[in-house]
Amino acid sequence: MTTIIFVRHAATNLQNHDERLRELSTQGMEDRKRVTEYLSTKTIDAVLSSPYRRAVDTVADYAQTHGFEVKLMDGFRERELPGWIEDFDVFVRRQWEDFNYKRPGCESLREAQSRCVAALEAVLRRYAGKTVVIGTHGVVLSTVINYYDCSFGYPEFAQIVGVMPWIVEFDFDEDGTCTEIRQYDPIHGTGNTHKL
């Protein structure tokens, strides 16, 4: 069995509108310690991350504490946006209603999902039988859940919008079939399991 532990980044400094360089907020830096505590109960073989600073910083505390190098993979970055979107809630709902919808300069959810799933499949080949942590983002992580469990849609996404950090574990059998998805909120200590 291969286990992939996706970690959605902790809370960020929303005054910084640079997608790639937005740092964790003071609260986010504190909350990432909960991620470290959770991951420290696991036997981890590698730590990967989106190249975006907030994703890297969320898993970096665990990686540094346990002697891992954080390996960057562009495929796990957040979906491309044309800049800061003022009507973000309306935009996101429209994207979930139509996975092919996008505005100029941004990715559709289908494009982001395809990119992220391709990166995940490469990880599954490289780390077969291992347990891997991947720092990532809420939207692309939600599209990965949707890929393996189509019942995960906008209502489920809306429930996790404010959950930062957020941990989602996927188990894959030797054929690469996803057999179970587990969600965990390390701040509130709540979660659920869904067998596929």
N, C-alpha and C. Protein backbone atom coordinates (compact mmCIF):
# COMPACT_ATOMS: atom_id res chain seq x y z
N MET A 1 0.84 -1.19 0.00
CA MET A 1 0.00 0.00 0.00
C MET A 1 0.88 1.25 0.00
N THR A 2 0.45 2.25 -0.74
CA THR A 2 1.11 3.55 -0.76
C THR A 2 0.17 4.56 -0.13
N THR A 3 0.69 5.36 0.79
CA THR A 3 -0.13 6.39 1.44
C THR A 3 0.42 7.76 1.10
N ILE A 4 -0.46 8.61 0.59
CA ILE A 4 -0.11 9.99 0.28
C ILE A 4 -0.83 10.88 1.28
N ILE A 5 -0.07 11.68 2.01
CA ILE A 5 -0.64 12.59 3.01
C ILE A 5 -0.51 14.01 2.48
N PHE A 6 -1.61 14.52 1.92
CA PHE A 6 -1.63 15.90 1.46
C PHE A 6 -1.86 16.83 2.64
N VAL A 7 -1.11 17.92 2.67
CA VAL A 7 -1.28 18.93 3.72
C VAL A 7 -1.60 20.26 3.05
N ARG A 8 -2.82 20.71 3.23
CA ARG A 8 -3.16 22.05 2.76
C ARG A 8 -2.49 23.06 3.70
N HIS A 9 -1.95 24.11 3.14
CA HIS A 9 -1.20 25.08 3.92
C HIS A 9 -2.01 25.70 5.06
N ALA A 10 -1.29 26.22 6.04
CA ALA A 10 -1.91 26.92 7.17
C ALA A 10 -2.31 28.33 6.73
N ALA A 11 -2.90 29.09 7.65
CA ALA A 11 -3.40 30.44 7.35
C ALA A 11 -2.28 31.35 6.85
N THR A 12 -2.64 32.23 5.92
CA THR A 12 -1.64 33.08 5.26
C THR A 12 -1.87 34.56 5.53
N ASN A 13 -0.88 35.33 5.13
CA ASN A 13 -0.98 36.79 5.20
C ASN A 13 -1.72 37.28 3.95
N LEU A 14 -3.00 37.59 4.09
CA LEU A 14 -3.82 37.96 2.94
C LEU A 14 -3.52 39.36 2.42
N GLN A 15 -2.66 40.10 3.12
CA GLN A 15 -2.24 41.40 2.61
C GLN A 15 -1.25 41.23 1.45
N ASN A 16 -0.65 40.07 1.36
CA ASN A 16 0.29 39.77 0.28
C ASN A 16 -0.49 39.06 -0.83
N HIS A 17 -0.67 39.72 -1.98
CA HIS A 17 -1.46 39.16 -3.07
C HIS A 17 -0.62 38.36 -4.07
N ASP A 18 0.65 38.16 -3.79
CA ASP A 18 1.52 37.39 -4.68
C ASP A 18 1.31 35.90 -4.39
N GLU A 19 0.70 35.20 -5.35
CA GLU A 19 0.35 33.79 -5.16
C GLU A 19 1.57 32.93 -4.79
N ARG A 20 2.68 33.16 -5.44
CA ARG A 20 3.85 32.32 -5.22
C ARG A 20 4.60 32.64 -3.94
N LEU A 21 4.55 33.90 -3.54
CA LEU A 21 5.38 34.32 -2.41
C LEU A 21 4.58 34.59 -1.13
N ARG A 22 3.25 34.44 -1.15
CA ARG A 22 2.46 34.73 0.05
C ARG A 22 2.90 33.83 1.20
N GLU A 23 3.26 34.47 2.31
CA GLU A 23 3.78 33.76 3.47
C GLU A 23 2.65 33.38 4.43
N LEU A 24 2.98 32.52 5.38
CA LEU A 24 2.04 32.18 6.44
C LEU A 24 1.89 33.39 7.37
N SER A 25 0.70 33.52 7.92
CA SER A 25 0.48 34.54 8.94
C SER A 25 1.14 34.08 10.25
N THR A 26 1.15 34.96 11.23
CA THR A 26 1.67 34.58 12.55
C THR A 26 0.91 33.37 13.08
N GLN A 27 -0.42 33.37 12.91
CA GLN A 27 -1.24 32.23 13.34
C GLN A 27 -0.89 30.98 12.55
N GLY A 28 -0.67 31.16 11.25
CA GLY A 28 -0.30 30.02 10.41
C GLY A 28 1.01 29.39 10.83
N MET A 29 1.98 30.22 11.18
CA MET A 29 3.27 29.70 11.64
C MET A 29 3.10 28.89 12.92
N GLU A 30 2.20 29.33 13.77
CA GLU A 30 1.92 28.59 15.01
C GLU A 30 1.17 27.30 14.69
N ASP A 31 0.18 27.38 13.80
CA ASP A 31 -0.67 26.22 13.49
C ASP A 31 0.08 25.12 12.77
N ARG A 32 1.15 25.46 12.06
CA ARG A 32 1.89 24.40 11.35
C ARG A 32 2.53 23.42 12.34
N LYS A 33 2.68 23.84 13.59
CA LYS A 33 3.20 22.92 14.60
C LYS A 33 2.24 21.76 14.84
N ARG A 34 0.94 22.02 14.62
CA ARG A 34 -0.05 20.93 14.74
C ARG A 34 0.15 19.90 13.63
N VAL A 35 0.55 20.40 12.46
CA VAL A 35 0.86 19.49 11.36
C VAL A 35 2.06 18.63 11.72
N THR A 36 3.07 19.26 12.28
CA THR A 36 4.27 18.52 12.70
C THR A 36 3.91 17.47 13.73
N GLU A 37 3.09 17.82 14.70
CA GLU A 37 2.66 16.86 15.72
C GLU A 37 1.96 15.67 15.09
N TYR A 38 1.06 15.95 14.16
CA TYR A 38 0.31 14.87 13.51
C TYR A 38 1.23 13.98 12.68
N LEU A 39 2.07 14.59 11.86
CA LEU A 39 2.95 13.80 10.99
C LEU A 39 3.98 13.02 11.79
N SER A 40 4.32 13.51 12.98
CA SER A 40 5.31 12.82 13.81
C SER A 40 4.81 11.48 14.32
N THR A 41 3.51 11.23 14.21
CA THR A 41 2.94 9.93 14.61
C THR A 41 3.00 8.92 13.47
N LYS A 42 3.47 9.36 12.29
CA LYS A 42 3.51 8.52 11.10
C LYS A 42 4.96 8.14 10.77
N THR A 43 5.10 7.10 9.95
CA THR A 43 6.41 6.75 9.40
C THR A 43 6.47 7.29 7.99
N ILE A 44 7.17 8.39 7.83
CA ILE A 44 7.20 9.12 6.56
C ILE A 44 8.49 8.78 5.80
N ASP A 45 8.36 8.65 4.47
CA ASP A 45 9.52 8.33 3.64
C ASP A 45 10.02 9.51 2.82
N ALA A 46 9.17 10.50 2.55
CA ALA A 46 9.60 11.66 1.76
C ALA A 46 8.64 12.81 2.00
N VAL A 47 9.15 14.03 1.82
CA VAL A 47 8.34 15.24 1.95
C VAL A 47 8.47 16.04 0.66
N LEU A 48 7.34 16.25 0.00
CA LEU A 48 7.28 17.00 -1.25
C LEU A 48 6.40 18.23 -1.02
N SER A 49 6.43 19.16 -1.96
CA SER A 49 5.57 20.33 -1.82
C SER A 49 5.39 21.07 -3.13
N SER A 50 4.27 21.74 -3.23
CA SER A 50 4.08 22.81 -4.20
C SER A 50 5.23 23.80 -3.99
N PRO A 51 5.66 24.50 -5.03
CA PRO A 51 6.74 25.48 -4.83
C PRO A 51 6.27 26.78 -4.17
N TYR A 52 4.99 26.96 -3.97
CA TYR A 52 4.49 28.19 -3.37
C TYR A 52 4.90 28.25 -1.90
N ARG A 53 5.33 29.43 -1.47
CA ARG A 53 5.94 29.58 -0.15
C ARG A 53 5.05 29.07 0.99
N ARG A 54 3.75 29.36 0.95
CA ARG A 54 2.87 28.97 2.05
C ARG A 54 2.77 27.46 2.20
N ALA A 55 2.82 26.74 1.09
CA ALA A 55 2.77 25.28 1.14
C ALA A 55 4.07 24.72 1.70
N VAL A 56 5.19 25.24 1.19
CA VAL A 56 6.50 24.79 1.67
C VAL A 56 6.63 25.04 3.17
N ASP A 57 6.30 26.27 3.59
CA ASP A 57 6.47 26.63 5.00
C ASP A 57 5.61 25.78 5.93
N THR A 58 4.47 25.31 5.45
CA THR A 58 3.59 24.51 6.30
C THR A 58 4.19 23.14 6.61
N VAL A 59 4.89 22.54 5.65
CA VAL A 59 5.50 21.22 5.90
C VAL A 59 6.96 21.32 6.32
N ALA A 60 7.55 22.53 6.21
CA ALA A 60 8.98 22.69 6.50
C ALA A 60 9.32 22.42 7.95
N ASP A 61 8.43 22.76 8.87
CA ASP A 61 8.72 22.52 10.29
C ASP A 61 8.89 21.03 10.54
N TYR A 62 7.99 20.22 10.00
CA TYR A 62 8.12 18.76 10.15
C TYR A 62 9.41 18.28 9.46
N ALA A 63 9.63 18.74 8.23
CA ALA A 63 10.80 18.28 7.47
C ALA A 63 12.10 18.60 8.19
N GLN A 64 12.22 19.81 8.69
CA GLN A 64 13.45 20.21 9.38
C GLN A 64 13.63 19.42 10.68
N THR A 65 12.55 19.22 11.40
CA THR A 65 12.61 18.49 12.67
C THR A 65 13.04 17.04 12.47
N HIS A 66 12.66 16.45 11.32
CA HIS A 66 12.92 15.03 11.08
C HIS A 66 13.97 14.77 10.01
N GLY A 67 14.69 15.82 9.59
CA GLY A 67 15.82 15.63 8.69
C GLY A 67 15.47 15.37 7.24
N PHE A 68 14.32 15.86 6.77
CA PHE A 68 13.95 15.69 5.37
C PHE A 68 14.24 16.96 4.58
N GLU A 69 14.62 16.78 3.34
CA GLU A 69 14.65 17.89 2.38
C GLU A 69 13.25 17.98 1.76
N VAL A 70 12.71 19.18 1.64
CA VAL A 70 11.42 19.35 0.97
C VAL A 70 11.68 19.44 -0.53
N LYS A 71 11.19 18.46 -1.27
CA LYS A 71 11.39 18.42 -2.72
C LYS A 71 10.19 19.11 -3.39
N LEU A 72 10.48 20.08 -4.24
CA LEU A 72 9.42 20.87 -4.87
C LEU A 72 8.92 20.21 -6.15
N MET A 73 7.59 20.21 -6.32
CA MET A 73 6.96 19.70 -7.53
C MET A 73 5.91 20.70 -7.98
N ASP A 74 6.11 21.26 -9.15
CA ASP A 74 5.22 22.30 -9.66
C ASP A 74 3.80 21.79 -9.86
N GLY A 75 3.64 20.52 -10.11
CA GLY A 75 2.31 19.96 -10.35
C GLY A 75 1.36 20.11 -9.19
N PHE A 76 1.89 20.34 -7.99
CA PHE A 76 1.03 20.44 -6.81
C PHE A 76 0.73 21.89 -6.41
N ARG A 77 1.10 22.86 -7.28
CA ARG A 77 0.78 24.26 -6.99
C ARG A 77 -0.72 24.50 -7.12
N GLU A 78 -1.15 25.63 -6.57
CA GLU A 78 -2.56 25.99 -6.67
C GLU A 78 -2.91 26.29 -8.12
N ARG A 79 -4.19 26.25 -8.47
CA ARG A 79 -4.57 26.52 -9.85
C ARG A 79 -4.25 27.98 -10.18
N GLU A 80 -3.85 28.15 -11.43
CA GLU A 80 -3.39 29.45 -11.90
C GLU A 80 -4.53 30.45 -11.92
N LEU A 81 -4.28 31.66 -11.39
CA LEU A 81 -5.27 32.73 -11.38
C LEU A 81 -4.72 33.94 -12.12
N PRO A 82 -5.60 34.80 -12.64
CA PRO A 82 -5.14 35.97 -13.38
C PRO A 82 -4.76 37.13 -12.47
N GLY A 83 -4.61 36.89 -11.21
CA GLY A 83 -4.34 37.94 -10.23
C GLY A 83 -5.36 37.83 -9.10
N TRP A 84 -5.41 38.85 -8.28
CA TRP A 84 -6.34 38.85 -7.14
C TRP A 84 -7.77 38.98 -7.66
N ILE A 85 -8.66 38.09 -7.22
CA ILE A 85 -10.05 38.09 -7.69
C ILE A 85 -10.95 38.60 -6.57
N GLU A 86 -11.60 39.73 -6.82
CA GLU A 86 -12.45 40.35 -5.79
C GLU A 86 -13.71 39.53 -5.51
N ASP A 87 -14.35 39.01 -6.56
CA ASP A 87 -15.57 38.21 -6.37
C ASP A 87 -15.22 36.72 -6.30
N PHE A 88 -14.27 36.41 -5.44
CA PHE A 88 -13.69 35.07 -5.39
C PHE A 88 -14.73 33.99 -5.13
N ASP A 89 -15.66 34.21 -4.21
CA ASP A 89 -16.67 33.20 -3.89
C ASP A 89 -17.55 32.88 -5.10
N VAL A 90 -17.96 33.91 -5.82
CA VAL A 90 -18.77 33.72 -7.03
C VAL A 90 -17.97 32.95 -8.08
N PHE A 91 -16.73 33.35 -8.26
CA PHE A 91 -15.84 32.70 -9.23
C PHE A 91 -15.65 31.21 -8.91
N VAL A 92 -15.37 30.92 -7.64
CA VAL A 92 -15.13 29.52 -7.25
C VAL A 92 -16.39 28.67 -7.44
N ARG A 93 -17.53 29.20 -7.04
CA ARG A 93 -18.77 28.43 -7.22
C ARG A 93 -19.00 28.13 -8.70
N ARG A 94 -18.77 29.11 -9.56
CA ARG A 94 -18.94 28.91 -10.99
C ARG A 94 -17.99 27.83 -11.50
N GLN A 95 -16.75 27.82 -10.99
CA GLN A 95 -15.80 26.80 -11.42
C GLN A 95 -16.25 25.40 -10.99
N TRP A 96 -16.81 25.28 -9.78
CA TRP A 96 -17.27 23.97 -9.33
C TRP A 96 -18.51 23.52 -10.10
N GLU A 97 -19.32 24.46 -10.55
CA GLU A 97 -20.50 24.11 -11.34
C GLU A 97 -20.11 23.66 -12.75
N ASP A 98 -19.00 24.20 -13.24
CA ASP A 98 -18.52 23.87 -14.58
C ASP A 98 -17.00 23.73 -14.51
N PHE A 99 -16.50 22.51 -14.44
CA PHE A 99 -15.07 22.26 -14.28
C PHE A 99 -14.24 22.83 -15.43
N ASN A 100 -14.88 23.18 -16.53
CA ASN A 100 -14.15 23.75 -17.67
C ASN A 100 -14.17 25.28 -17.69
N TYR A 101 -14.89 25.88 -16.75
CA TYR A 101 -15.00 27.34 -16.72
C TYR A 101 -13.69 27.97 -16.25
N LYS A 102 -13.30 29.03 -16.94
CA LYS A 102 -12.14 29.80 -16.51
C LYS A 102 -12.23 31.21 -17.08
N ARG A 103 -11.50 32.10 -16.47
CA ARG A 103 -11.37 33.46 -16.98
C ARG A 103 -10.02 33.58 -17.67
N PRO A 104 -9.84 34.63 -18.47
CA PRO A 104 -8.53 34.79 -19.14
C PRO A 104 -7.39 34.79 -18.11
N GLY A 105 -6.37 34.02 -18.41
CA GLY A 105 -5.19 33.99 -17.54
C GLY A 105 -5.28 33.02 -16.38
N CYS A 106 -6.32 32.20 -16.34
CA CYS A 106 -6.41 31.24 -15.22
C CYS A 106 -6.69 29.84 -15.74
N GLU A 107 -6.51 28.86 -14.86
CA GLU A 107 -6.81 27.47 -15.19
C GLU A 107 -8.24 27.13 -14.80
N SER A 108 -8.86 26.28 -15.56
CA SER A 108 -10.12 25.69 -15.13
C SER A 108 -9.82 24.66 -14.05
N LEU A 109 -10.83 24.24 -13.31
CA LEU A 109 -10.60 23.19 -12.32
C LEU A 109 -10.20 21.89 -13.00
N ARG A 110 -10.72 21.63 -14.21
CA ARG A 110 -10.33 20.41 -14.92
C ARG A 110 -8.85 20.44 -15.26
N GLU A 111 -8.35 21.59 -15.71
CA GLU A 111 -6.92 21.69 -16.03
C GLU A 111 -6.06 21.54 -14.78
N ALA A 112 -6.47 22.18 -13.70
CA ALA A 112 -5.71 22.07 -12.45
C ALA A 112 -5.74 20.64 -11.93
N GLN A 113 -6.92 20.01 -12.00
CA GLN A 113 -7.06 18.63 -11.56
C GLN A 113 -6.17 17.70 -12.37
N SER A 114 -6.18 17.85 -13.68
CA SER A 114 -5.36 16.99 -14.56
C SER A 114 -3.88 17.14 -14.23
N ARG A 115 -3.43 18.38 -14.02
CA ARG A 115 -2.03 18.63 -13.68
C ARG A 115 -1.65 17.98 -12.36
N CYS A 116 -2.51 18.17 -11.36
CA CYS A 116 -2.21 17.65 -10.03
C CYS A 116 -2.28 16.12 -9.99
N VAL A 117 -3.26 15.53 -10.65
CA VAL A 117 -3.36 14.08 -10.68
C VAL A 117 -2.18 13.47 -11.43
N ALA A 118 -1.73 14.11 -12.51
CA ALA A 118 -0.54 13.62 -13.23
C ALA A 118 0.68 13.64 -12.31
N ALA A 119 0.83 14.71 -11.52
CA ALA A 119 1.95 14.77 -10.57
C ALA A 119 1.81 13.68 -9.52
N LEU A 120 0.59 13.46 -9.05
CA LEU A 120 0.35 12.41 -8.05
C LEU A 120 0.69 11.04 -8.61
N GLU A 121 0.30 10.78 -9.85
CA GLU A 121 0.60 9.48 -10.45
C GLU A 121 2.11 9.26 -10.58
N ALA A 122 2.84 10.32 -10.86
CA ALA A 122 4.30 10.22 -10.91
C ALA A 122 4.86 9.88 -9.53
N VAL A 123 4.29 10.48 -8.49
CA VAL A 123 4.72 10.19 -7.11
C VAL A 123 4.40 8.74 -6.77
N LEU A 124 3.23 8.26 -7.17
CA LEU A 124 2.85 6.87 -6.88
C LEU A 124 3.81 5.89 -7.53
N ARG A 125 4.28 6.20 -8.72
CA ARG A 125 5.26 5.33 -9.38
C ARG A 125 6.61 5.40 -8.67
N ARG A 126 7.03 6.59 -8.31
CA ARG A 126 8.36 6.79 -7.70
C ARG A 126 8.43 6.25 -6.28
N TYR A 127 7.33 6.36 -5.53
CA TYR A 127 7.34 6.01 -4.11
C TYR A 127 6.37 4.86 -3.79
N ALA A 128 6.24 3.92 -4.69
CA ALA A 128 5.33 2.79 -4.46
C ALA A 128 5.66 2.09 -3.14
N GLY A 129 4.62 1.84 -2.35
CA GLY A 129 4.79 1.17 -1.07
C GLY A 129 5.27 2.05 0.06
N LYS A 130 5.40 3.35 -0.19
CA LYS A 130 5.91 4.30 0.80
C LYS A 130 4.79 5.20 1.33
N THR A 131 5.16 6.04 2.29
CA THR A 131 4.26 7.07 2.80
C THR A 131 4.91 8.42 2.53
N VAL A 132 4.19 9.25 1.80
CA VAL A 132 4.75 10.52 1.32
C VAL A 132 3.86 11.68 1.76
N VAL A 133 4.48 12.75 2.25
CA VAL A 133 3.78 13.99 2.59
C VAL A 133 3.91 14.95 1.43
N ILE A 134 2.81 15.63 1.09
CA ILE A 134 2.84 16.62 0.01
C ILE A 134 2.16 17.90 0.49
N GLY A 135 2.91 18.99 0.55
CA GLY A 135 2.34 20.29 0.87
C GLY A 135 1.64 20.87 -0.35
N THR A 136 0.40 21.31 -0.18
CA THR A 136 -0.36 21.79 -1.34
C THR A 136 -1.40 22.82 -0.92
N HIS A 137 -2.48 22.92 -1.70
CA HIS A 137 -3.45 24.00 -1.58
C HIS A 137 -4.88 23.46 -1.60
N GLY A 138 -5.80 24.25 -1.07
CA GLY A 138 -7.17 23.79 -0.87
C GLY A 138 -7.93 23.45 -2.13
N VAL A 139 -7.83 24.28 -3.16
CA VAL A 139 -8.61 24.03 -4.37
C VAL A 139 -8.09 22.80 -5.11
N VAL A 140 -6.78 22.76 -5.38
CA VAL A 140 -6.28 21.60 -6.14
C VAL A 140 -6.43 20.31 -5.34
N LEU A 141 -6.26 20.37 -4.03
CA LEU A 141 -6.46 19.18 -3.21
C LEU A 141 -7.91 18.71 -3.31
N SER A 142 -8.84 19.65 -3.30
CA SER A 142 -10.26 19.29 -3.42
C SER A 142 -10.55 18.65 -4.78
N THR A 143 -9.88 19.12 -5.84
CA THR A 143 -10.11 18.50 -7.15
C THR A 143 -9.54 17.08 -7.20
N VAL A 144 -8.48 16.82 -6.44
CA VAL A 144 -7.94 15.45 -6.38
C VAL A 144 -8.95 14.54 -5.67
N ILE A 145 -9.52 15.02 -4.57
CA ILE A 145 -10.56 14.22 -3.91
C ILE A 145 -11.69 13.94 -4.89
N ASN A 146 -12.12 14.98 -5.61
CA ASN A 146 -13.20 14.83 -6.59
C ASN A 146 -12.85 13.81 -7.67
N TYR A 147 -11.58 13.75 -8.06
CA TYR A 147 -11.15 12.80 -9.09
C TYR A 147 -11.40 11.36 -8.65
N TYR A 148 -11.11 11.07 -7.39
CA TYR A 148 -11.28 9.71 -6.88
C TYR A 148 -12.65 9.47 -6.26
N ASP A 149 -13.34 10.53 -5.88
CA ASP A 149 -14.67 10.43 -5.27
C ASP A 149 -15.53 11.58 -5.80
N CYS A 150 -16.31 11.29 -6.86
CA CYS A 150 -17.06 12.34 -7.55
C CYS A 150 -18.18 12.93 -6.69
N SER A 151 -18.45 12.35 -5.52
CA SER A 151 -19.47 12.94 -4.64
C SER A 151 -18.95 14.19 -3.94
N PHE A 152 -17.64 14.43 -4.00
CA PHE A 152 -17.05 15.63 -3.41
C PHE A 152 -17.20 16.77 -4.41
N GLY A 153 -18.08 17.72 -4.09
CA GLY A 153 -18.34 18.85 -4.98
C GLY A 153 -18.27 20.17 -4.24
N TYR A 154 -18.98 21.16 -4.78
CA TYR A 154 -18.91 22.49 -4.18
C TYR A 154 -19.37 22.51 -2.72
N PRO A 155 -20.48 21.84 -2.34
CA PRO A 155 -20.89 21.89 -0.92
C PRO A 155 -19.80 21.38 0.02
N GLU A 156 -19.11 20.32 -0.39
CA GLU A 156 -18.03 19.77 0.44
C GLU A 156 -16.84 20.72 0.46
N PHE A 157 -16.54 21.30 -0.71
CA PHE A 157 -15.46 22.28 -0.76
C PHE A 157 -15.75 23.47 0.15
N ALA A 158 -16.99 23.95 0.12
CA ALA A 158 -17.37 25.11 0.93
C ALA A 158 -17.16 24.85 2.41
N GLN A 159 -17.27 23.59 2.83
CA GLN A 159 -17.09 23.26 4.24
C GLN A 159 -15.63 23.34 4.68
N ILE A 160 -14.70 23.24 3.74
CA ILE A 160 -13.27 23.25 4.11
C ILE A 160 -12.56 24.55 3.75
N VAL A 161 -13.29 25.51 3.18
CA VAL A 161 -12.66 26.76 2.75
C VAL A 161 -11.83 27.38 3.87
N GLY A 162 -12.35 27.40 5.08
CA GLY A 162 -11.64 28.02 6.18
C GLY A 162 -10.78 27.08 7.00
N VAL A 163 -10.65 25.82 6.57
CA VAL A 163 -9.87 24.84 7.33
C VAL A 163 -8.42 24.89 6.85
N MET A 164 -7.59 25.54 7.64
CA MET A 164 -6.17 25.69 7.32
C MET A 164 -5.36 25.60 8.60
N PRO A 165 -4.47 24.63 8.68
CA PRO A 165 -4.15 23.59 7.71
C PRO A 165 -5.25 22.52 7.67
N TRP A 166 -5.16 21.67 6.65
CA TRP A 166 -6.11 20.59 6.45
C TRP A 166 -5.32 19.41 5.90
N ILE A 167 -5.54 18.23 6.47
CA ILE A 167 -4.78 17.04 6.08
C ILE A 167 -5.72 16.02 5.45
N VAL A 168 -5.34 15.52 4.28
CA VAL A 168 -6.13 14.49 3.59
C VAL A 168 -5.20 13.36 3.19
N GLU A 169 -5.50 12.16 3.68
CA GLU A 169 -4.68 10.99 3.38
C GLU A 169 -5.39 10.10 2.36
N PHE A 170 -4.64 9.64 1.38
CA PHE A 170 -5.15 8.72 0.36
C PHE A 170 -4.36 7.42 0.46
N ASP A 171 -5.04 6.30 0.49
CA ASP A 171 -4.40 4.99 0.42
C ASP A 171 -4.59 4.43 -0.98
N PHE A 172 -3.52 3.88 -1.56
CA PHE A 172 -3.57 3.28 -2.89
C PHE A 172 -3.05 1.85 -2.81
N ASP A 173 -3.73 0.93 -3.50
CA ASP A 173 -3.23 -0.44 -3.53
C ASP A 173 -2.12 -0.56 -4.56
N GLU A 174 -1.60 -1.77 -4.73
CA GLU A 174 -0.45 -1.96 -5.61
C GLU A 174 -0.77 -1.68 -7.08
N ASP A 175 -2.06 -1.66 -7.44
CA ASP A 175 -2.46 -1.34 -8.80
C ASP A 175 -2.67 0.16 -9.02
N GLY A 176 -2.48 0.94 -7.96
CA GLY A 176 -2.69 2.38 -8.07
C GLY A 176 -4.13 2.80 -7.89
N THR A 177 -4.96 1.90 -7.39
CA THR A 177 -6.37 2.22 -7.14
C THR A 177 -6.51 2.84 -5.75
N CYS A 178 -7.20 3.97 -5.67
CA CYS A 178 -7.43 4.61 -4.38
C CYS A 178 -8.49 3.83 -3.62
N THR A 179 -8.16 3.39 -2.42
CA THR A 179 -9.07 2.54 -1.64
C THR A 179 -9.71 3.25 -0.46
N GLU A 180 -9.09 4.34 0.00
CA GLU A 180 -9.63 5.04 1.16
C GLU A 180 -9.11 6.48 1.19
N ILE A 181 -9.98 7.38 1.62
CA ILE A 181 -9.61 8.79 1.80
C ILE A 181 -9.99 9.19 3.22
N ARG A 182 -9.02 9.77 3.93
CA ARG A 182 -9.26 10.22 5.31
C ARG A 182 -8.97 11.71 5.40
N GLN A 183 -9.89 12.46 5.99
CA GLN A 183 -9.70 13.90 6.18
C GLN A 183 -9.49 14.18 7.66
N TYR A 184 -8.61 15.15 7.94
CA TYR A 184 -8.34 15.50 9.34
C TYR A 184 -8.08 16.98 9.47
N ASP A 185 -8.72 17.58 10.46
CA ASP A 185 -8.51 18.99 10.80
C ASP A 185 -7.64 19.02 12.05
N PRO A 186 -6.34 19.34 11.91
CA PRO A 186 -5.43 19.27 13.07
C PRO A 186 -5.67 20.35 14.12
N ILE A 187 -6.39 21.40 13.79
CA ILE A 187 -6.66 22.45 14.77
C ILE A 187 -7.76 22.01 15.72
N HIS A 188 -8.81 21.40 15.16
CA HIS A 188 -9.95 20.99 15.99
C HIS A 188 -9.94 19.50 16.34
N GLY A 189 -8.99 18.75 15.76
CA GLY A 189 -8.89 17.34 16.06
C GLY A 189 -10.05 16.50 15.54
N THR A 190 -10.66 16.94 14.42
CA THR A 190 -11.81 16.22 13.86
C THR A 190 -11.46 15.67 12.49
N GLY A 191 -12.19 14.64 12.08
CA GLY A 191 -11.93 14.07 10.77
C GLY A 191 -12.97 13.04 10.41
N ASN A 192 -12.79 12.45 9.22
CA ASN A 192 -13.67 11.38 8.78
C ASN A 192 -12.94 10.50 7.78
N THR A 193 -13.48 9.31 7.58
CA THR A 193 -12.88 8.32 6.68
C THR A 193 -13.92 7.90 5.66
N HIS A 194 -13.49 7.78 4.39
CA HIS A 194 -14.38 7.35 3.33
C HIS A 194 -13.70 6.23 2.55
N LYS A 195 -14.26 5.03 2.63
CA LYS A 195 -13.73 3.90 1.86
C LYS A 195 -14.34 3.92 0.47
N LEU A 196 -13.53 3.64 -0.53
CA LEU A 196 -14.00 3.70 -1.92
C LEU A 196 -14.22 2.29 -2.47
